[in-house]
Amino acid sequence: MVTRQPANDNTPRLIGRKDAAAYCGIGESTFSLWVANHKMPAAIAGTRKWDKRAIDARLDEISGIGIDDGPAETDLQKWRRERDARRAQGTG
């Protein structure tokens, strides 16, 4: 899920560590720890700025937003599931 800012919003997309931490609702030291542990994305190369969309994407990933229930069912798994259902009904 991509969060888009309204076209007339002048809020900067790139933010410093203090604002990034506030944006996440955590302290600066916690934000730094999360970056060091790869829980949050690193600053954009050559800057000390974070992209709000990258932060949003990582928070979505951490919270499980936009993640499906797992890998798609394989043909073999589907066949077994259908076979077991037929057996349970006594028709297979």
C-alpha atoms as a PDB file:
ATOM      1  CA  MET A   1       0.000   0.000   0.000  1.00  0.00           C
ATOM      2  CA  VAL A   2       1.473   3.334  -1.058  1.00  0.00           C
ATOM      3  CA  THR A   3       0.484   6.416   0.855  1.00  0.00           C
ATOM      4  CA  ARG A   4       0.334   9.494  -1.329  1.00  0.00           C
ATOM      5  CA  GLN A   5       0.368  13.044  -0.093  1.00  0.00           C
ATOM      6  CA  PRO A   6      -2.202  15.456  -1.517  1.00  0.00           C
ATOM      7  CA  ALA A   7      -0.857  17.512  -4.432  1.00  0.00           C
ATOM      8  CA  ASN A   8      -1.203  20.748  -2.457  1.00  0.00           C
ATOM      9  CA  ASP A   9       0.609  19.417   0.632  1.00  0.00           C
ATOM     10  CA  ASN A  10       3.948  21.200   1.076  1.00  0.00           C
ATOM     11  CA  THR A  11       5.153  18.780   3.752  1.00  0.00           C
ATOM     12  CA  PRO A  12       8.619  17.519   2.794  1.00  0.00           C
ATOM     13  CA  ARG A  13       8.877  13.863   1.870  1.00  0.00           C
ATOM     14  CA  LEU A  14      12.451  13.629   3.172  1.00  0.00           C
ATOM     15  CA  ILE A  15      12.867  14.126   6.895  1.00  0.00           C
ATOM     16  CA  GLY A  16      15.729  14.128   9.385  1.00  0.00           C
ATOM     17  CA  ARG A  17      16.260  11.634  12.214  1.00  0.00           C
ATOM     18  CA  LYS A  18      14.365  13.689  14.807  1.00  0.00           C
ATOM     19  CA  ASP A  19      11.337  14.118  12.546  1.00  0.00           C
ATOM     20  CA  ALA A  20      11.521  10.500  11.389  1.00  0.00           C
ATOM     21  CA  ALA A  21      11.451   9.316  14.992  1.00  0.00           C
ATOM     22  CA  ALA A  22       8.525  11.625  15.763  1.00  0.00           C
ATOM     23  CA  TYR A  23       6.758  10.416  12.609  1.00  0.00           C
ATOM     24  CA  CYS A  24       7.032   6.853  13.947  1.00  0.00           C
ATOM     25  CA  GLY A  25       6.014   7.925  17.430  1.00  0.00           C
ATOM     26  CA  ILE A  26       9.262   6.754  19.021  1.00  0.00           C
ATOM     27  CA  GLY A  27      12.319   8.398  20.536  1.00  0.00           C
ATOM     28  CA  GLU A  28      15.393   9.293  18.483  1.00  0.00           C
ATOM     29  CA  SER A  29      17.543   6.679  20.208  1.00  0.00           C
ATOM     30  CA  THR A  30      14.944   3.994  19.508  1.00  0.00           C
ATOM     31  CA  PHE A  31      14.748   5.084  15.872  1.00  0.00           C
ATOM     32  CA  SER A  32      18.548   4.874  15.622  1.00  0.00           C
ATOM     33  CA  LEU A  33      18.440   1.376  17.109  1.00  0.00           C
ATOM     34  CA  TRP A  34      15.737   0.327  14.650  1.00  0.00           C
ATOM     35  CA  VAL A  35      17.844   1.634  11.747  1.00  0.00           C
ATOM     36  CA  ALA A  36      20.919  -0.207  13.063  1.00  0.00           C
ATOM     37  CA  ASN A  37      18.844  -3.424  13.379  1.00  0.00           C
ATOM     38  CA  HIS A  38      17.329  -2.929   9.891  1.00  0.00           C
ATOM     39  CA  LYS A  39      13.849  -2.565  11.325  1.00  0.00           C
ATOM     40  CA  MET A  40      13.747   0.863   9.668  1.00  0.00           C
ATOM     41  CA  PRO A  41      15.358   1.776   6.345  1.00  0.00           C
ATOM     42  CA  ALA A  42      18.716   3.516   6.288  1.00  0.00           C
ATOM     43  CA  ALA A  43      19.001   7.183   5.436  1.00  0.00           C
ATOM     44  CA  ILE A  44      19.183   7.956   1.733  1.00  0.00           C
ATOM     45  CA  ALA A  45      22.779   7.501   0.596  1.00  0.00           C
ATOM     46  CA  GLY A  46      24.811  10.673   0.921  1.00  0.00           C
ATOM     47  CA  THR A  47      22.230  12.355   3.150  1.00  0.00           C
ATOM     48  CA  ARG A  48      20.967  12.299   6.677  1.00  0.00           C
ATOM     49  CA  LYS A  49      17.376  12.164   5.480  1.00  0.00           C
ATOM     50  CA  TRP A  50      14.761   9.408   5.450  1.00  0.00           C
ATOM     51  CA  ASP A  51      12.015   8.963   2.904  1.00  0.00           C
ATOM     52  CA  LYS A  52       8.581   8.949   4.563  1.00  0.00           C
ATOM     53  CA  ARG A  53       7.302   6.452   2.001  1.00  0.00           C
ATOM     54  CA  ALA A  54      10.151   4.050   2.795  1.00  0.00           C
ATOM     55  CA  ILE A  55       9.316   4.375   6.484  1.00  0.00           C
ATOM     56  CA  ASP A  56       5.625   3.765   5.722  1.00  0.00           C
ATOM     57  CA  ALA A  57       6.496   0.682   3.664  1.00  0.00           C
ATOM     58  CA  ARG A  58       8.634  -0.747   6.455  1.00  0.00           C
ATOM     59  CA  LEU A  59       5.935  -0.050   9.064  1.00  0.00           C
ATOM     60  CA  ASP A  60       3.368  -1.739   6.798  1.00  0.00           C
ATOM     61  CA  GLU A  61       5.676  -4.752   6.545  1.00  0.00           C
ATOM     62  CA  ILE A  62       6.254  -4.908  10.305  1.00  0.00           C
ATOM     63  CA  SER A  63       2.554  -4.599  11.119  1.00  0.00           C
ATOM     64  CA  GLY A  64       1.507  -7.098   8.474  1.00  0.00           C
ATOM     65  CA  ILE A  65      -0.430  -4.666   6.305  1.00  0.00           C
ATOM     66  CA  GLY A  66      -0.473  -5.770   2.690  1.00  0.00           C
ATOM     67  CA  ILE A  67       1.006  -9.180   3.399  1.00  0.00           C
ATOM     68  CA  ASP A  68      -0.989 -12.182   2.223  1.00  0.00           C
ATOM     69  CA  ASP A  69      -1.569 -15.298   4.265  1.00  0.00           C
ATOM     70  CA  GLY A  70       1.458 -17.031   2.849  1.00  0.00           C
ATOM     71  CA  PRO A  71       2.664 -18.573  -0.347  1.00  0.00           C
ATOM     72  CA  ALA A  72       0.127 -19.545  -2.978  1.00  0.00           C
ATOM     73  CA  GLU A  73      -1.201 -23.081  -2.886  1.00  0.00           C
ATOM     74  CA  THR A  74       0.671 -25.393  -5.251  1.00  0.00           C
ATOM     75  CA  ASP A  75      -1.134 -27.730  -7.652  1.00  0.00           C
ATOM     76  CA  LEU A  76      -0.133 -30.690  -5.481  1.00  0.00           C
ATOM     77  CA  GLN A  77      -1.444 -29.020  -2.336  1.00  0.00           C
ATOM     78  CA  LYS A  78      -4.727 -28.203  -4.107  1.00  0.00           C
ATOM     79  CA  TRP A  79      -5.068 -31.802  -5.333  1.00  0.00           C
ATOM     80  CA  ARG A  80      -4.438 -33.172  -1.833  1.00  0.00           C
ATOM     81  CA  ARG A  81      -6.909 -30.746  -0.267  1.00  0.00           C
ATOM     82  CA  GLU A  82      -9.598 -31.659  -2.798  1.00  0.00           C
ATOM     83  CA  ARG A  83      -8.838 -35.380  -2.431  1.00  0.00           C
ATOM     84  CA  ASP A  84      -9.109 -35.159   1.352  1.00  0.00           C
ATOM     85  CA  ALA A  85     -12.407 -33.280   1.039  1.00  0.00           C
ATOM     86  CA  ARG A  86     -13.795 -35.987  -1.293  1.00  0.00           C
ATOM     87  CA  ARG A  87     -12.643 -38.705   1.128  1.00  0.00           C
ATOM     88  CA  ALA A  88     -14.305 -36.930   4.007  1.00  0.00           C
ATOM     89  CA  GLN A  89     -17.573 -36.861   2.040  1.00  0.00           C
ATOM     90  CA  GLY A  90     -17.164 -40.526   1.141  1.00  0.00           C
ATOM     91  CA  THR A  91     -17.020 -39.860  -2.599  1.00  0.00           C
ATOM     92  CA  GLY A  92     -13.374 -40.384  -3.284  1.00  0.00           C
END
